[in-house]
C-alpha atoms as a PDB file:
ATOM      1  CA  MET A   1      31.234 178.557 110.221  1.00  0.00           C
ATOM      2  CA  LYS A   2      33.407 176.485 107.879  1.00  0.00           C
ATOM      3  CA  ASN A   3      35.688 178.064 105.320  1.00  0.00           C
ATOM      4  CA  TYR A   4      35.457 176.176 102.041  1.00  0.00           C
ATOM      5  CA  LEU A   5      38.140 176.086  99.393  1.00  0.00           C
ATOM      6  CA  GLU A   6      37.430 176.774  95.734  1.00  0.00           C
ATOM      7  CA  PHE A   7      37.304 173.083  94.784  1.00  0.00           C
ATOM      8  CA  GLU A   8      34.939 172.362  97.695  1.00  0.00           C
ATOM      9  CA  LYS A   9      32.009 174.415  96.342  1.00  0.00           C
ATOM     10  CA  GLY A  10      29.840 171.363  95.686  1.00  0.00           C
ATOM     11  CA  LEU A  11      30.521 170.113  99.201  1.00  0.00           C
ATOM     12  CA  ALA A  12      29.615 173.530 100.635  1.00  0.00           C
ATOM     13  CA  GLU A  13      26.243 173.422  98.885  1.00  0.00           C
ATOM     14  CA  ILE A  14      25.366 169.959 100.222  1.00  0.00           C
ATOM     15  CA  GLU A  15      26.476 170.666 103.790  1.00  0.00           C
ATOM     16  CA  GLY A  16      24.745 174.039 103.634  1.00  0.00           C
ATOM     17  CA  LYS A  17      21.455 172.400 102.642  1.00  0.00           C
ATOM     18  CA  ALA A  18      21.735 169.875 105.483  1.00  0.00           C
ATOM     19  CA  GLU A  19      22.373 172.646 107.997  1.00  0.00           C
ATOM     20  CA  GLU A  20      19.506 174.700 106.570  1.00  0.00           C
ATOM     21  CA  LEU A  21      17.114 171.772 107.050  1.00  0.00           C
ATOM     22  CA  ARG A  22      18.249 171.288 110.648  1.00  0.00           C
ATOM     23  CA  SER A  23      17.899 175.005 111.309  1.00  0.00           C
ATOM     24  CA  MET A  24      14.325 174.884 110.039  1.00  0.00           C
ATOM     25  CA  ALA A  25      13.620 171.897 112.285  1.00  0.00           C
ATOM     26  CA  ARG A  26      14.980 173.770 115.320  1.00  0.00           C
ATOM     27  CA  GLN A  27      12.610 176.635 114.588  1.00  0.00           C
ATOM     28  CA  ASN A  28       9.683 174.286 113.947  1.00  0.00           C
ATOM     29  CA  PRO A  29      10.049 171.113 116.082  1.00  0.00           C
ATOM     30  CA  GLU A  30       7.042 169.503 114.346  1.00  0.00           C
ATOM     31  CA  MET A  31       8.990 169.184 111.102  1.00  0.00           C
ATOM     32  CA  ASP A  32      10.526 165.755 110.535  1.00  0.00           C
ATOM     33  CA  ILE A  33      13.447 166.275 108.187  1.00  0.00           C
ATOM     34  CA  GLU A  34      16.179 164.294 109.937  1.00  0.00           C
ATOM     35  CA  ALA A  35      16.095 161.485 107.380  1.00  0.00           C
ATOM     36  CA  GLU A  36      16.542 163.950 104.541  1.00  0.00           C
ATOM     37  CA  ALA A  37      19.351 165.759 106.382  1.00  0.00           C
ATOM     38  CA  ALA A  38      21.066 162.449 107.183  1.00  0.00           C
ATOM     39  CA  ALA A  39      20.946 161.502 103.488  1.00  0.00           C
ATOM     40  CA  LEU A  40      22.664 164.789 102.648  1.00  0.00           C
ATOM     41  CA  ASP A  41      25.301 164.039 105.303  1.00  0.00           C
ATOM     42  CA  ILE A  42      26.062 160.696 103.664  1.00  0.00           C
ATOM     43  CA  LYS A  43      26.280 162.368 100.259  1.00  0.00           C
ATOM     44  CA  ALA A  44      28.596 165.050 101.654  1.00  0.00           C
ATOM     45  CA  GLU A  45      30.871 162.480 103.300  1.00  0.00           C
ATOM     46  CA  ALA A  46      31.171 160.500 100.065  1.00  0.00           C
ATOM     47  CA  LEU A  47      31.990 163.669  98.119  1.00  0.00           C
ATOM     48  CA  LEU A  48      34.568 164.713 100.721  1.00  0.00           C
ATOM     49  CA  ILE A  49      36.332 161.356 100.414  1.00  0.00           C
ATOM     50  CA  GLU A  50      36.272 161.601  96.632  1.00  0.00           C
ATOM     51  CA  LEU A  51      37.631 165.171  96.608  1.00  0.00           C
ATOM     52  CA  TYR A  52      40.564 164.339  98.899  1.00  0.00           C
ATOM     53  CA  LYS A  53      41.352 160.908  97.472  1.00  0.00           C
ATOM     54  CA  ASN A  54      43.838 162.210  94.917  1.00  0.00           C
ATOM     55  CA  LEU A  55      44.500 165.933  95.348  1.00  0.00           C
ATOM     56  CA  THR A  56      46.548 167.720  92.713  1.00  0.00           C
ATOM     57  CA  PRO A  57      49.658 169.595  93.929  1.00  0.00           C
ATOM     58  CA  TRP A  58      47.870 172.941  93.521  1.00  0.00           C
ATOM     59  CA  ARG A  59      44.917 171.766  95.587  1.00  0.00           C
ATOM     60  CA  LYS A  60      47.347 170.565  98.243  1.00  0.00           C
ATOM     61  CA  CYS A  61      48.779 174.105  98.276  1.00  0.00           C
ATOM     62  CA  GLN A  62      45.294 175.438  98.946  1.00  0.00           C
ATOM     63  CA  VAL A  63      44.714 172.951 101.757  1.00  0.00           C
ATOM     64  CA  ALA A  64      48.156 173.655 103.286  1.00  0.00           C
ATOM     65  CA  ARG A  65      47.270 177.368 103.394  1.00  0.00           C
ATOM     66  CA  HIS A  66      43.751 176.880 104.775  1.00  0.00           C
ATOM     67  CA  THR A  67      43.120 179.499 107.440  1.00  0.00           C
ATOM     68  CA  SER A  68      41.388 177.001 109.737  1.00  0.00           C
ATOM     69  CA  ARG A  69      44.281 174.531 109.897  1.00  0.00           C
ATOM     70  CA  PRO A  70      45.781 174.251 113.391  1.00  0.00           C
ATOM     71  CA  HIS A  71      48.723 176.597 113.791  1.00  0.00           C
ATOM     72  CA  CYS A  72      51.876 176.520 115.897  1.00  0.00           C
ATOM     73  CA  VAL A  73      50.119 177.930 118.958  1.00  0.00           C
ATOM     74  CA  ASP A  74      47.470 175.179 118.722  1.00  0.00           C
ATOM     75  CA  TYR A  75      50.129 172.455 118.648  1.00  0.00           C
ATOM     76  CA  ILE A  76      51.949 174.003 121.587  1.00  0.00           C
ATOM     77  CA  ASN A  77      48.732 174.189 123.608  1.00  0.00           C
ATOM     78  CA  GLY A  78      47.691 170.669 122.606  1.00  0.00           C
ATOM     79  CA  LEU A  79      50.970 168.757 122.918  1.00  0.00           C
ATOM     80  CA  PHE A  80      53.247 170.563 125.364  1.00  0.00           C
ATOM     81  CA  GLN A  81      53.051 171.176 129.076  1.00  0.00           C
ATOM     82  CA  GLU A  82      54.633 173.891 131.228  1.00  0.00           C
ATOM     83  CA  TYR A  83      55.374 176.006 128.158  1.00  0.00           C
ATOM     84  CA  VAL A  84      57.496 179.036 129.045  1.00  0.00           C
ATOM     85  CA  PRO A  85      57.759 181.422 126.070  1.00  0.00           C
ATOM     86  CA  LEU A  86      61.067 183.193 125.489  1.00  0.00           C
ATOM     87  CA  ALA A  87      60.970 186.469 123.587  1.00  0.00           C
ATOM     88  CA  GLY A  88      63.438 188.671 121.744  1.00  0.00           C
ATOM     89  CA  ASP A  89      66.763 188.215 120.006  1.00  0.00           C
ATOM     90  CA  ARG A  90      68.729 190.285 122.589  1.00  0.00           C
ATOM     91  CA  ASN A  91      69.754 192.538 119.751  1.00  0.00           C
ATOM     92  CA  PHE A  92      66.883 194.401 118.073  1.00  0.00           C
ATOM     93  CA  ALA A  93      63.333 193.275 118.915  1.00  0.00           C
ATOM     94  CA  ASP A  94      60.926 190.401 119.421  1.00  0.00           C
ATOM     95  CA  ASP A  95      59.519 188.953 116.196  1.00  0.00           C
ATOM     96  CA  HIS A  96      55.954 187.741 116.761  1.00  0.00           C
ATOM     97  CA  ALA A  97      56.064 185.599 113.599  1.00  0.00           C
ATOM     98  CA  VAL A  98      58.359 183.253 115.533  1.00  0.00           C
ATOM     99  CA  MET A  99      57.354 181.739 118.843  1.00  0.00           C
ATOM    100  CA  GLY A 100      59.272 179.375 121.051  1.00  0.00           C
ATOM    101  CA  GLY A 101      60.522 178.545 124.496  1.00  0.00           C
ATOM    102  CA  LEU A 102      60.968 175.809 127.067  1.00  0.00           C
ATOM    103  CA  ALA A 103      58.332 173.130 127.554  1.00  0.00           C
ATOM    104  CA  ARG A 104      57.731 169.514 128.461  1.00  0.00           C
ATOM    105  CA  PHE A 105      56.701 166.977 125.838  1.00  0.00           C
ATOM    106  CA  ASN A 106      55.421 163.655 127.214  1.00  0.00           C
ATOM    107  CA  ASP A 107      57.212 164.544 130.474  1.00  0.00           C
ATOM    108  CA  ARG A 108      60.475 165.207 128.591  1.00  0.00           C
ATOM    109  CA  PRO A 109      62.009 168.721 128.778  1.00  0.00           C
ATOM    110  CA  VAL A 110      62.431 170.207 125.287  1.00  0.00           C
ATOM    111  CA  VAL A 111      62.856 173.462 123.419  1.00  0.00           C
ATOM    112  CA  ILE A 112      60.016 174.243 121.007  1.00  0.00           C
ATOM    113  CA  LEU A 113      60.307 176.675 118.091  1.00  0.00           C
ATOM    114  CA  GLY A 114      57.880 177.512 115.314  1.00  0.00           C
ATOM    115  CA  HIS A 115      56.290 179.950 112.881  1.00  0.00           C
ATOM    116  CA  GLU A 116      52.915 181.380 113.845  1.00  0.00           C
ATOM    117  CA  LYS A 117      50.639 182.869 111.155  1.00  0.00           C
ATOM    118  CA  GLY A 118      47.742 183.970 113.359  1.00  0.00           C
ATOM    119  CA  ASN A 119      44.093 182.948 113.122  1.00  0.00           C
ATOM    120  CA  ASP A 120      42.201 186.186 112.469  1.00  0.00           C
ATOM    121  CA  THR A 121      42.890 189.529 110.833  1.00  0.00           C
ATOM    122  CA  SER A 122      44.426 191.267 113.844  1.00  0.00           C
ATOM    123  CA  SER A 123      46.609 188.317 114.889  1.00  0.00           C
ATOM    124  CA  ARG A 124      47.751 187.713 111.294  1.00  0.00           C
ATOM    125  CA  ILE A 125      48.904 191.320 111.045  1.00  0.00           C
ATOM    126  CA  ALA A 126      50.611 191.081 114.449  1.00  0.00           C
ATOM    127  CA  ARG A 127      52.305 187.822 113.411  1.00  0.00           C
ATOM    128  CA  ASN A 128      53.199 189.213 109.962  1.00  0.00           C
ATOM    129  CA  PHE A 129      51.417 186.208 108.395  1.00  0.00           C
ATOM    130  CA  GLY A 130      54.177 183.903 109.655  1.00  0.00           C
ATOM    131  CA  MET A 131      56.911 185.707 107.684  1.00  0.00           C
ATOM    132  CA  ALA A 132      59.863 186.122 110.014  1.00  0.00           C
ATOM    133  CA  ARG A 133      62.225 189.094 110.023  1.00  0.00           C
ATOM    134  CA  PRO A 134      65.948 188.846 110.896  1.00  0.00           C
ATOM    135  CA  GLU A 135      65.195 189.204 114.599  1.00  0.00           C
ATOM    136  CA  GLY A 136      62.976 186.124 114.336  1.00  0.00           C
ATOM    137  CA  TYR A 137      65.839 184.018 113.015  1.00  0.00           C
ATOM    138  CA  ARG A 138      68.183 185.470 115.626  1.00  0.00           C
ATOM    139  CA  LYS A 139      65.655 184.538 118.292  1.00  0.00           C
ATOM    140  CA  ALA A 140      65.677 181.023 116.800  1.00  0.00           C
ATOM    141  CA  ILE A 141      69.490 180.925 117.061  1.00  0.00           C
ATOM    142  CA  ARG A 142      69.230 181.956 120.707  1.00  0.00           C
ATOM    143  CA  LEU A 143      66.832 179.080 121.387  1.00  0.00           C
ATOM    144  CA  MET A 144      69.024 176.611 119.471  1.00  0.00           C
ATOM    145  CA  LYS A 145      72.005 177.610 121.617  1.00  0.00           C
ATOM    146  CA  LEU A 146      69.873 177.186 124.740  1.00  0.00           C
ATOM    147  CA  ALA A 147      68.839 173.684 123.663  1.00  0.00           C
ATOM    148  CA  ASP A 148      72.461 172.755 123.009  1.00  0.00           C
ATOM    149  CA  ARG A 149      73.718 174.197 126.292  1.00  0.00           C
ATOM    150  CA  PHE A 150      71.253 172.232 128.404  1.00  0.00           C
ATOM    151  CA  GLY A 151      71.090 169.098 126.250  1.00  0.00           C
ATOM    152  CA  LEU A 152      67.418 169.496 125.365  1.00  0.00           C
ATOM    153  CA  PRO A 153      65.863 168.109 122.152  1.00  0.00           C
ATOM    154  CA  LEU A 154      64.769 170.816 119.730  1.00  0.00           C
ATOM    155  CA  ILE A 155      61.339 170.515 118.093  1.00  0.00           C
ATOM    156  CA  THR A 156      60.441 172.901 115.270  1.00  0.00           C
ATOM    157  CA  LEU A 157      57.054 173.497 113.660  1.00  0.00           C
ATOM    158  CA  VAL A 158      57.278 175.031 110.187  1.00  0.00           C
ATOM    159  CA  ASP A 159      54.452 177.069 108.672  1.00  0.00           C
ATOM    160  CA  THR A 160      55.581 180.048 106.639  1.00  0.00           C
ATOM    161  CA  PRO A 161      55.235 181.321 103.061  1.00  0.00           C
ATOM    162  CA  GLY A 162      58.863 182.462 103.435  1.00  0.00           C
ATOM    163  CA  ALA A 163      61.008 185.038 105.187  1.00  0.00           C
ATOM    164  CA  TYR A 164      59.734 188.624 105.104  1.00  0.00           C
ATOM    165  CA  PRO A 165      61.180 190.414 102.043  1.00  0.00           C
ATOM    166  CA  GLY A 166      60.662 193.989 103.235  1.00  0.00           C
ATOM    167  CA  LYS A 167      63.201 196.812 103.049  1.00  0.00           C
ATOM    168  CA  GLY A 168      63.772 196.944 106.814  1.00  0.00           C
ATOM    169  CA  ALA A 169      64.367 193.199 106.994  1.00  0.00           C
ATOM    170  CA  GLU A 170      66.938 193.393 104.208  1.00  0.00           C
ATOM    171  CA  GLU A 171      68.671 196.333 105.899  1.00  0.00           C
ATOM    172  CA  ARG A 172      68.959 194.329 109.128  1.00  0.00           C
ATOM    173  CA  GLY A 173      70.579 191.354 107.366  1.00  0.00           C
ATOM    174  CA  GLN A 174      67.754 188.970 106.471  1.00  0.00           C
ATOM    175  CA  SER A 175      69.805 186.549 104.371  1.00  0.00           C
ATOM    176  CA  GLU A 176      72.657 186.516 106.892  1.00  0.00           C
ATOM    177  CA  ALA A 177      70.258 185.762 109.747  1.00  0.00           C
ATOM    178  CA  ILE A 178      68.694 182.863 107.814  1.00  0.00           C
ATOM    179  CA  ALA A 179      72.119 181.481 106.948  1.00  0.00           C
ATOM    180  CA  ARG A 180      73.266 181.736 110.566  1.00  0.00           C
ATOM    181  CA  ALA A 181      70.141 179.940 111.788  1.00  0.00           C
ATOM    182  CA  THR A 182      70.689 177.149 109.266  1.00  0.00           C
ATOM    183  CA  GLU A 183      74.355 176.939 110.274  1.00  0.00           C
ATOM    184  CA  LYS A 184      73.486 176.766 113.968  1.00  0.00           C
ATOM    185  CA  SER A 185      70.985 173.961 113.283  1.00  0.00           C
ATOM    186  CA  LEU A 186      73.840 171.938 111.799  1.00  0.00           C
ATOM    187  CA  GLN A 187      76.104 172.560 114.798  1.00  0.00           C
ATOM    188  CA  ILE A 188      74.045 171.693 117.856  1.00  0.00           C
ATOM    189  CA  GLY A 189      74.610 168.292 119.463  1.00  0.00           C
ATOM    190  CA  VAL A 190      71.026 167.520 120.458  1.00  0.00           C
ATOM    191  CA  PRO A 191      68.228 165.738 118.572  1.00  0.00           C
ATOM    192  CA  VAL A 192      66.451 168.110 116.169  1.00  0.00           C
ATOM    193  CA  VAL A 193      63.080 167.082 114.761  1.00  0.00           C
ATOM    194  CA  SER A 194      60.929 169.209 112.496  1.00  0.00           C
ATOM    195  CA  VAL A 195      57.335 169.035 111.279  1.00  0.00           C
ATOM    196  CA  ILE A 196      55.941 170.935 108.282  1.00  0.00           C
ATOM    197  CA  ILE A 197      52.440 171.640 109.594  1.00  0.00           C
ATOM    198  CA  GLY A 198      51.238 173.760 106.682  1.00  0.00           C
ATOM    199  CA  GLU A 199      53.381 175.704 104.265  1.00  0.00           C
ATOM    200  CA  GLY A 200      57.179 175.488 104.148  1.00  0.00           C
ATOM    201  CA  GLY A 201      58.457 178.220 101.881  1.00  0.00           C
ATOM    202  CA  SER A 202      62.018 178.973 100.783  1.00  0.00           C
ATOM    203  CA  GLY A 203      65.015 179.556 103.062  1.00  0.00           C
ATOM    204  CA  GLY A 204      62.686 180.896 105.714  1.00  0.00           C
ATOM    205  CA  ALA A 205      61.478 177.331 106.208  1.00  0.00           C
ATOM    206  CA  VAL A 206      64.862 175.631 105.710  1.00  0.00           C
ATOM    207  CA  ALA A 207      66.329 177.570 108.660  1.00  0.00           C
ATOM    208  CA  PHE A 208      63.831 175.805 110.945  1.00  0.00           C
ATOM    209  CA  ALA A 209      63.776 172.459 109.116  1.00  0.00           C
ATOM    210  CA  THR A 210      67.504 171.651 109.129  1.00  0.00           C
ATOM    211  CA  ALA A 211      66.806 168.651 111.312  1.00  0.00           C
ATOM    212  CA  ASP A 212      67.770 165.041 111.980  1.00  0.00           C
ATOM    213  CA  ARG A 213      64.237 163.965 111.106  1.00  0.00           C
ATOM    214  CA  LEU A 214      61.635 165.803 109.042  1.00  0.00           C
ATOM    215  CA  ALA A 215      57.936 164.949 109.084  1.00  0.00           C
ATOM    216  CA  MET A 216      55.255 166.477 106.890  1.00  0.00           C
ATOM    217  CA  LEU A 217      51.522 166.499 107.345  1.00  0.00           C
ATOM    218  CA  GLU A 218      49.839 164.689 104.454  1.00  0.00           C
ATOM    219  CA  HIS A 219      48.602 167.858 102.766  1.00  0.00           C
ATOM    220  CA  SER A 220      51.477 170.182 103.694  1.00  0.00           C
ATOM    221  CA  ILE A 221      53.922 171.599 101.137  1.00  0.00           C
ATOM    222  CA  TYR A 222      57.648 172.402 101.193  1.00  0.00           C
ATOM    223  CA  SER A 223      59.430 174.180  98.347  1.00  0.00           C
ATOM    224  CA  VAL A 224      62.152 176.619  97.374  1.00  0.00           C
ATOM    225  CA  ILE A 225      59.555 179.123  96.129  1.00  0.00           C
ATOM    226  CA  SER A 226      55.787 179.500  96.039  1.00  0.00           C
ATOM    227  CA  PRO A 227      53.976 178.238  92.915  1.00  0.00           C
ATOM    228  CA  GLU A 228      52.876 181.802  92.175  1.00  0.00           C
ATOM    229  CA  GLY A 229      56.443 183.110  92.455  1.00  0.00           C
ATOM    230  CA  CYS A 230      57.784 180.282  90.318  1.00  0.00           C
ATOM    231  CA  ALA A 231      55.141 180.932  87.633  1.00  0.00           C
ATOM    232  CA  SER A 232      55.957 184.660  87.622  1.00  0.00           C
ATOM    233  CA  ILE A 233      59.642 183.932  87.031  1.00  0.00           C
ATOM    234  CA  LEU A 234      59.382 181.076  84.526  1.00  0.00           C
ATOM    235  CA  TRP A 235      56.279 182.042  82.565  1.00  0.00           C
ATOM    236  CA  LYS A 236      55.899 185.729  83.518  1.00  0.00           C
ATOM    237  CA  ASP A 237      52.365 184.781  84.533  1.00  0.00           C
ATOM    238  CA  ALA A 238      51.354 184.076  88.145  1.00  0.00           C
ATOM    239  CA  GLU A 239      48.166 182.423  86.867  1.00  0.00           C
ATOM    240  CA  LYS A 240      50.247 179.434  85.783  1.00  0.00           C
ATOM    241  CA  MET A 241      50.645 178.442  89.445  1.00  0.00           C
ATOM    242  CA  ARG A 242      48.999 175.048  88.799  1.00  0.00           C
ATOM    243  CA  GLU A 243      51.718 174.089  86.316  1.00  0.00           C
ATOM    244  CA  ALA A 244      54.363 175.449  88.693  1.00  0.00           C
ATOM    245  CA  ALA A 245      52.998 173.408  91.605  1.00  0.00           C
ATOM    246  CA  GLU A 246      53.314 170.268  89.484  1.00  0.00           C
ATOM    247  CA  ALA A 247      56.884 171.093  88.451  1.00  0.00           C
ATOM    248  CA  LEU A 248      58.113 172.009  91.942  1.00  0.00           C
ATOM    249  CA  ARG A 249      57.351 168.566  93.419  1.00  0.00           C
ATOM    250  CA  LEU A 250      56.396 170.239  96.674  1.00  0.00           C
ATOM    251  CA  THR A 251      53.979 167.695  98.153  1.00  0.00           C
ATOM    252  CA  ALA A 252      54.769 165.473 101.128  1.00  0.00           C
ATOM    253  CA  GLN A 253      54.508 162.420  98.877  1.00  0.00           C
ATOM    254  CA  ASP A 254      57.041 163.805  96.377  1.00  0.00           C
ATOM    255  CA  LEU A 255      59.456 164.866  99.104  1.00  0.00           C
ATOM    256  CA  LYS A 256      59.274 161.497 100.846  1.00  0.00           C
ATOM    257  CA  GLN A 257      60.165 159.877  97.526  1.00  0.00           C
ATOM    258  CA  LEU A 258      63.067 162.304  97.061  1.00  0.00           C
ATOM    259  CA  GLY A 259      64.423 161.614 100.550  1.00  0.00           C
ATOM    260  CA  VAL A 260      63.761 165.120 101.882  1.00  0.00           C
ATOM    261  CA  ALA A 261      60.962 164.043 104.249  1.00  0.00           C
ATOM    262  CA  ASP A 262      61.226 161.014 106.514  1.00  0.00           C
ATOM    263  CA  VAL A 263      57.631 160.697 107.702  1.00  0.00           C
ATOM    264  CA  ILE A 264      54.231 161.552 106.227  1.00  0.00           C
ATOM    265  CA  ILE A 265      51.637 162.179 108.941  1.00  0.00           C
ATOM    266  CA  PRO A 266      48.103 161.197 107.841  1.00  0.00           C
ATOM    267  CA  GLU A 267      45.468 163.913 108.142  1.00  0.00           C
ATOM    268  CA  PRO A 268      41.752 163.492 108.848  1.00  0.00           C
ATOM    269  CA  VAL A 269      39.631 163.149 105.706  1.00  0.00           C
ATOM    270  CA  GLY A 270      39.163 166.675 104.408  1.00  0.00           C
ATOM    271  CA  GLY A 271      42.427 167.953 105.900  1.00  0.00           C
ATOM    272  CA  ALA A 272      43.640 168.956 109.367  1.00  0.00           C
ATOM    273  CA  GLN A 273      41.114 171.811 109.423  1.00  0.00           C
ATOM    274  CA  ARG A 274      38.235 169.304 109.553  1.00  0.00           C
ATOM    275  CA  ASP A 275      39.452 167.712 112.805  1.00  0.00           C
ATOM    276  CA  PRO A 276      42.237 169.787 114.396  1.00  0.00           C
ATOM    277  CA  GLN A 277      42.427 167.661 117.546  1.00  0.00           C
ATOM    278  CA  ALA A 278      43.027 164.474 115.553  1.00  0.00           C
ATOM    279  CA  ALA A 279      45.704 166.222 113.478  1.00  0.00           C
ATOM    280  CA  ILE A 280      47.430 167.557 116.601  1.00  0.00           C
ATOM    281  CA  ALA A 281      47.410 164.086 118.189  1.00  0.00           C
ATOM    282  CA  ALA A 282      48.896 162.558 115.013  1.00  0.00           C
ATOM    283  CA  VAL A 283      51.690 165.134 115.000  1.00  0.00           C
ATOM    284  CA  GLY A 284      52.396 164.337 118.655  1.00  0.00           C
ATOM    285  CA  GLU A 285      52.760 160.637 117.847  1.00  0.00           C
ATOM    286  CA  ALA A 286      55.128 161.416 114.968  1.00  0.00           C
ATOM    287  CA  ILE A 287      57.298 163.672 117.135  1.00  0.00           C
ATOM    288  CA  GLU A 288      57.492 161.002 119.837  1.00  0.00           C
ATOM    289  CA  GLY A 289      58.545 158.395 117.288  1.00  0.00           C
ATOM    290  CA  MET A 290      61.228 160.628 115.791  1.00  0.00           C
ATOM    291  CA  LEU A 291      62.641 161.562 119.194  1.00  0.00           C
ATOM    292  CA  LYS A 292      62.777 157.923 120.281  1.00  0.00           C
ATOM    293  CA  SER A 293      64.752 157.023 117.157  1.00  0.00           C
ATOM    294  CA  LEU A 294      67.387 159.620 118.122  1.00  0.00           C
ATOM    295  CA  GLU A 295      67.507 159.541 121.914  1.00  0.00           C
ATOM    296  CA  LYS A 296      70.519 157.197 122.236  1.00  0.00           C
ATOM    297  CA  THR A 297      72.583 158.800 119.462  1.00  0.00           C
ATOM    298  CA  PRO A 298      75.781 160.526 120.713  1.00  0.00           C
ATOM    299  CA  ALA A 299      76.090 164.265 120.072  1.00  0.00           C
ATOM    300  CA  LYS A 300      79.013 163.941 117.638  1.00  0.00           C
ATOM    301  CA  LYS A 301      77.135 161.387 115.555  1.00  0.00           C
ATOM    302  CA  LEU A 302      74.002 163.545 115.520  1.00  0.00           C
ATOM    303  CA  ILE A 303      76.022 166.442 114.098  1.00  0.00           C
ATOM    304  CA  SER A 304      77.897 164.371 111.521  1.00  0.00           C
ATOM    305  CA  ASP A 305      74.773 162.494 110.393  1.00  0.00           C
ATOM    306  CA  ARG A 306      72.814 165.741 110.085  1.00  0.00           C
ATOM    307  CA  ARG A 307      75.511 167.340 107.957  1.00  0.00           C
ATOM    308  CA  LYS A 308      75.768 164.222 105.798  1.00  0.00           C
ATOM    309  CA  ARG A 309      71.994 164.150 105.368  1.00  0.00           C
ATOM    310  CA  PHE A 310      71.926 167.656 103.918  1.00  0.00           C
ATOM    311  CA  LEU A 311      74.992 167.188 101.761  1.00  0.00           C
ATOM    312  CA  GLU A 312      73.300 164.164 100.164  1.00  0.00           C
ATOM    313  CA  LEU A 313      69.937 165.795  99.532  1.00  0.00           C
ATOM    314  CA  GLY A 314      69.082 165.678  95.849  1.00  0.00           C
ATOM    315  CA  LYS A 315      71.023 162.531  95.046  1.00  0.00           C
ATOM    316  CA  LYS A 316      67.798 160.538  94.727  1.00  0.00           C
ATOM    317  CA  SER A 317      66.358 163.006  92.218  1.00  0.00           C
ATOM    318  CA  LEU A 318      69.602 163.011  90.217  1.00  0.00           C
ATOM    319  CA  ALA A 319      69.658 159.199  90.164  1.00  0.00           C
ATOM    320  CA  ALA A 320      66.030 159.122  88.995  1.00  0.00           C
END
C-alpha cells in the first residue's frame, strides 16, 4: 500500500480507481476493464511528472521525510557486501539511531556509517527516529578512528531531523560529542564521502557530513534547522514552515549552487520511494565516482583540502 503525501491527493484518487477496477476484474474475470485502467495509468503518470517537475522547497521537505524512502539499512543491504556491524561507543551504550561497521563496496574495503530512522512504529521508536544521542556520535568517532588507522575510505549516509535534544543527552554532553565527531572528520587522512539520503538536520547531520565530497539525492534537504523550528523562532508560528523552507535554501539545487553540495543524484520520477532499487543504484554510482576522484590524493592533502573546503563555505552566498 502506497503512502501518499498531502500534495499527491489527486494522484492517489486516480491510482486508487485504477487499482479498484483491476480488483473488480480479478473477482470477475469476464469483465473487460483493462483499457479503462490503462487510461487511468497514463493519466496518473502524466500527473506524477507534472507534480514533481518543479517542487517547492516545502514539498521537497515532505518528500525527503517520506516514510517509504529507502533508509540507511536499505543502502547497506543493497550496495555493500560482507557488512560487519560494530556497536557501542566503549563508554556508555550503543545508540541504535547510528549504524555502521566494516564492509566491502565494489570489492573495496570501507567503513560505512549512517543514521537509521526505522521503517515501522517499533523500529522507529528503537532507532529514536534517527536522532542520535551522544553515544551515537562517540560511536561515529570510534569508526572514524578505525577507518584512519587501517586506511579505509569512510562513507556516511545522512538522514536525521537532528541530534536528540532530550535531558539525558544534554547531561551526557550532546554538543561536545557532536563537536568532537566533526573535529575527528576533519582530522582523518582517508577519503570521506557523504550522501544526504533524506533529511539532513542541524549539527547532528554536519557531524556525519564533514566530508571531502558531499552528494545529495534530488529531493533531499540539508539545513541548520527544520522549517518548523525556523518558523517558530522567526515568526512565533510553526505554520509558517513554507515561508521558512523558502528562506533556508535547504534543497539540493540551492546547496549545489552555494557550493555546499558537490553532486545531485537524480531520483526516479515521484521520488526515491517510488523506485527504491533505482535510487539505491544511483547512490552507488555517485559514491563510486566520488571515491575515484579521491583515491590518489595523499592523506595530508585530503586533510588540508577538507579543512579549506569548510573554511570557505558561505563565500559563494556572500559574493551573490
